[in-house]
Amino acid sequence: MEAAKLDGFDFHELRHYYASLLIRYGESVKTVQARLGHKSAEETLNTYSHLWPDSDDRSRDAVDAALKAESAEKSENSADSQRTPTQGTPHLA
């Protein structure tokens, strides 16, 4: 750890951090299992299952993304209706 200038961290903490990064960026249980050298996916899940998003998290994220997209689309349409007419279009002001 000293050579890597990671004083203050032990191997277990770095291993857990590595696993949490893999999970955060969407790696599967099997991938995390392989990277950590666990004997089974069950061992991986028993240790790290609390880090994977559950179906409630995914549902919430999907609804949030859809509402944000709809809101952005409405804003664009509103802005389009207020733009100055382009050349060739008579201005009726």
C-alpha atoms as a PDB file:
ATOM      1  CA  MET A   1       0.000   0.000   0.000  1.00  0.00           C
ATOM      2  CA  GLU A   2       2.863   2.357   0.732  1.00  0.00           C
ATOM      3  CA  ALA A   3       4.294   1.940  -2.778  1.00  0.00           C
ATOM      4  CA  ALA A   4       0.924   2.958  -4.261  1.00  0.00           C
ATOM      5  CA  LYS A   5       0.750   5.918  -1.837  1.00  0.00           C
ATOM      6  CA  LEU A   6      -2.474   4.584  -0.354  1.00  0.00           C
ATOM      7  CA  ASP A   7      -1.529   4.968   3.278  1.00  0.00           C
ATOM      8  CA  GLY A   8      -4.567   4.885   5.518  1.00  0.00           C
ATOM      9  CA  PHE A   9      -6.371   2.259   3.443  1.00  0.00           C
ATOM     10  CA  ASP A  10      -6.168  -1.455   3.925  1.00  0.00           C
ATOM     11  CA  PHE A  11      -6.524  -4.075   1.218  1.00  0.00           C
ATOM     12  CA  HIS A  12     -10.080  -4.950   2.274  1.00  0.00           C
ATOM     13  CA  GLU A  13     -11.230  -1.332   1.917  1.00  0.00           C
ATOM     14  CA  LEU A  14      -9.714  -1.023  -1.548  1.00  0.00           C
ATOM     15  CA  ARG A  15     -11.279  -4.320  -2.604  1.00  0.00           C
ATOM     16  CA  HIS A  16     -14.693  -3.156  -1.402  1.00  0.00           C
ATOM     17  CA  TYR A  17     -14.231   0.160  -3.213  1.00  0.00           C
ATOM     18  CA  TYR A  18     -13.288  -1.688  -6.420  1.00  0.00           C
ATOM     19  CA  ALA A  19     -16.395  -3.865  -6.144  1.00  0.00           C
ATOM     20  CA  SER A  20     -18.602  -0.832  -5.515  1.00  0.00           C
ATOM     21  CA  LEU A  21     -17.235   0.897  -8.632  1.00  0.00           C
ATOM     22  CA  LEU A  22     -17.946  -2.158 -10.765  1.00  0.00           C
ATOM     23  CA  ILE A  23     -21.498  -2.295  -9.448  1.00  0.00           C
ATOM     24  CA  ARG A  24     -22.092   1.461  -9.809  1.00  0.00           C
ATOM     25  CA  TYR A  25     -21.111   1.295 -13.464  1.00  0.00           C
ATOM     26  CA  GLY A  26     -23.493  -1.555 -14.203  1.00  0.00           C
ATOM     27  CA  GLU A  27     -21.385  -4.702 -14.093  1.00  0.00           C
ATOM     28  CA  SER A  28     -23.272  -7.932 -13.549  1.00  0.00           C
ATOM     29  CA  VAL A  29     -23.049 -10.140 -10.491  1.00  0.00           C
ATOM     30  CA  LYS A  30     -21.076 -12.678 -12.525  1.00  0.00           C
ATOM     31  CA  THR A  31     -18.535 -10.062 -13.620  1.00  0.00           C
ATOM     32  CA  VAL A  32     -18.026  -8.795 -10.075  1.00  0.00           C
ATOM     33  CA  GLN A  33     -17.756 -12.391  -8.867  1.00  0.00           C
ATOM     34  CA  ALA A  34     -15.039 -13.109 -11.441  1.00  0.00           C
ATOM     35  CA  ARG A  35     -13.085  -9.916 -10.748  1.00  0.00           C
ATOM     36  CA  LEU A  36     -13.070 -10.539  -6.996  1.00  0.00           C
ATOM     37  CA  GLY A  37     -12.383 -14.251  -7.302  1.00  0.00           C
ATOM     38  CA  HIS A  38     -15.472 -15.311  -5.398  1.00  0.00           C
ATOM     39  CA  LYS A  39     -16.343 -19.000  -5.569  1.00  0.00           C
ATOM     40  CA  SER A  40     -19.996 -18.278  -6.372  1.00  0.00           C
ATOM     41  CA  ALA A  41     -22.371 -15.462  -7.276  1.00  0.00           C
ATOM     42  CA  GLU A  42     -24.088 -16.169  -3.973  1.00  0.00           C
ATOM     43  CA  GLU A  43     -20.930 -15.133  -2.113  1.00  0.00           C
ATOM     44  CA  THR A  44     -20.821 -11.901  -4.118  1.00  0.00           C
ATOM     45  CA  LEU A  45     -24.499 -11.163  -3.489  1.00  0.00           C
ATOM     46  CA  ASN A  46     -24.216 -11.955   0.221  1.00  0.00           C
ATOM     47  CA  THR A  47     -21.476  -9.356   0.486  1.00  0.00           C
ATOM     48  CA  TYR A  48     -22.496  -6.654  -2.001  1.00  0.00           C
ATOM     49  CA  SER A  49     -26.234  -7.023  -2.758  1.00  0.00           C
ATOM     50  CA  HIS A  50     -27.001  -3.773  -0.917  1.00  0.00           C
ATOM     51  CA  LEU A  51     -25.017  -1.884  -3.585  1.00  0.00           C
ATOM     52  CA  TRP A  52     -27.017  -3.051  -6.616  1.00  0.00           C
ATOM     53  CA  PRO A  53     -30.032  -0.917  -7.482  1.00  0.00           C
ATOM     54  CA  ASP A  54     -33.316  -2.703  -6.916  1.00  0.00           C
ATOM     55  CA  SER A  55     -36.361  -2.617  -9.175  1.00  0.00           C
ATOM     56  CA  ASP A  56     -37.773   0.353  -7.226  1.00  0.00           C
ATOM     57  CA  ASP A  57     -34.613   2.351  -7.942  1.00  0.00           C
ATOM     58  CA  ARG A  58     -34.719   1.463 -11.644  1.00  0.00           C
ATOM     59  CA  SER A  59     -38.443   2.284 -11.880  1.00  0.00           C
ATOM     60  CA  ARG A  60     -37.921   5.647 -10.198  1.00  0.00           C
ATOM     61  CA  ASP A  61     -34.997   6.449 -12.500  1.00  0.00           C
ATOM     62  CA  ALA A  62     -37.012   5.495 -15.595  1.00  0.00           C
ATOM     63  CA  VAL A  63     -39.943   7.733 -14.617  1.00  0.00           C
ATOM     64  CA  ASP A  64     -37.601  10.622 -13.753  1.00  0.00           C
ATOM     65  CA  ALA A  65     -35.853  10.319 -17.132  1.00  0.00           C
ATOM     66  CA  ALA A  66     -39.159  10.207 -19.012  1.00  0.00           C
ATOM     67  CA  LEU A  67     -40.534  13.263 -17.200  1.00  0.00           C
ATOM     68  CA  LYS A  68     -37.319  15.227 -17.776  1.00  0.00           C
ATOM     69  CA  ALA A  69     -37.379  14.351 -21.487  1.00  0.00           C
ATOM     70  CA  GLU A  70     -41.030  15.399 -21.768  1.00  0.00           C
ATOM     71  CA  SER A  71     -40.346  18.654 -19.942  1.00  0.00           C
ATOM     72  CA  ALA A  72     -37.373  19.427 -22.203  1.00  0.00           C
ATOM     73  CA  GLU A  73     -39.488  18.689 -25.292  1.00  0.00           C
ATOM     74  CA  LYS A  74     -42.225  21.049 -24.106  1.00  0.00           C
ATOM     75  CA  SER A  75     -39.641  23.769 -23.465  1.00  0.00           C
ATOM     76  CA  GLU A  76     -38.224  23.367 -26.984  1.00  0.00           C
ATOM     77  CA  ASN A  77     -41.687  23.537 -28.551  1.00  0.00           C
ATOM     78  CA  SER A  78     -42.526  26.633 -26.528  1.00  0.00           C
ATOM     79  CA  ALA A  79     -39.283  28.311 -27.607  1.00  0.00           C
ATOM     80  CA  ASP A  80     -39.924  27.380 -31.264  1.00  0.00           C
ATOM     81  CA  SER A  81     -43.296  29.129 -31.223  1.00  0.00           C
ATOM     82  CA  GLN A  82     -41.691  32.383 -30.044  1.00  0.00           C
ATOM     83  CA  ARG A  83     -38.817  32.556 -32.523  1.00  0.00           C
ATOM     84  CA  THR A  84     -38.413  35.372 -35.022  1.00  0.00           C
ATOM     85  CA  PRO A  85     -39.664  34.315 -38.478  1.00  0.00           C
ATOM     86  CA  THR A  86     -36.970  33.219 -40.928  1.00  0.00           C
ATOM     87  CA  GLN A  87     -36.232  34.822 -44.304  1.00  0.00           C
ATOM     88  CA  GLY A  88     -38.940  34.303 -46.862  1.00  0.00           C
ATOM     89  CA  THR A  89     -41.620  34.277 -44.223  1.00  0.00           C
ATOM     90  CA  PRO A  90     -43.504  37.550 -44.002  1.00  0.00           C
ATOM     91  CA  HIS A  91     -43.246  39.230 -40.641  1.00  0.00           C
ATOM     92  CA  LEU A  92     -46.683  40.341 -39.445  1.00  0.00           C
ATOM     93  CA  ALA A  93     -45.650  42.494 -36.468  1.00  0.00           C
END
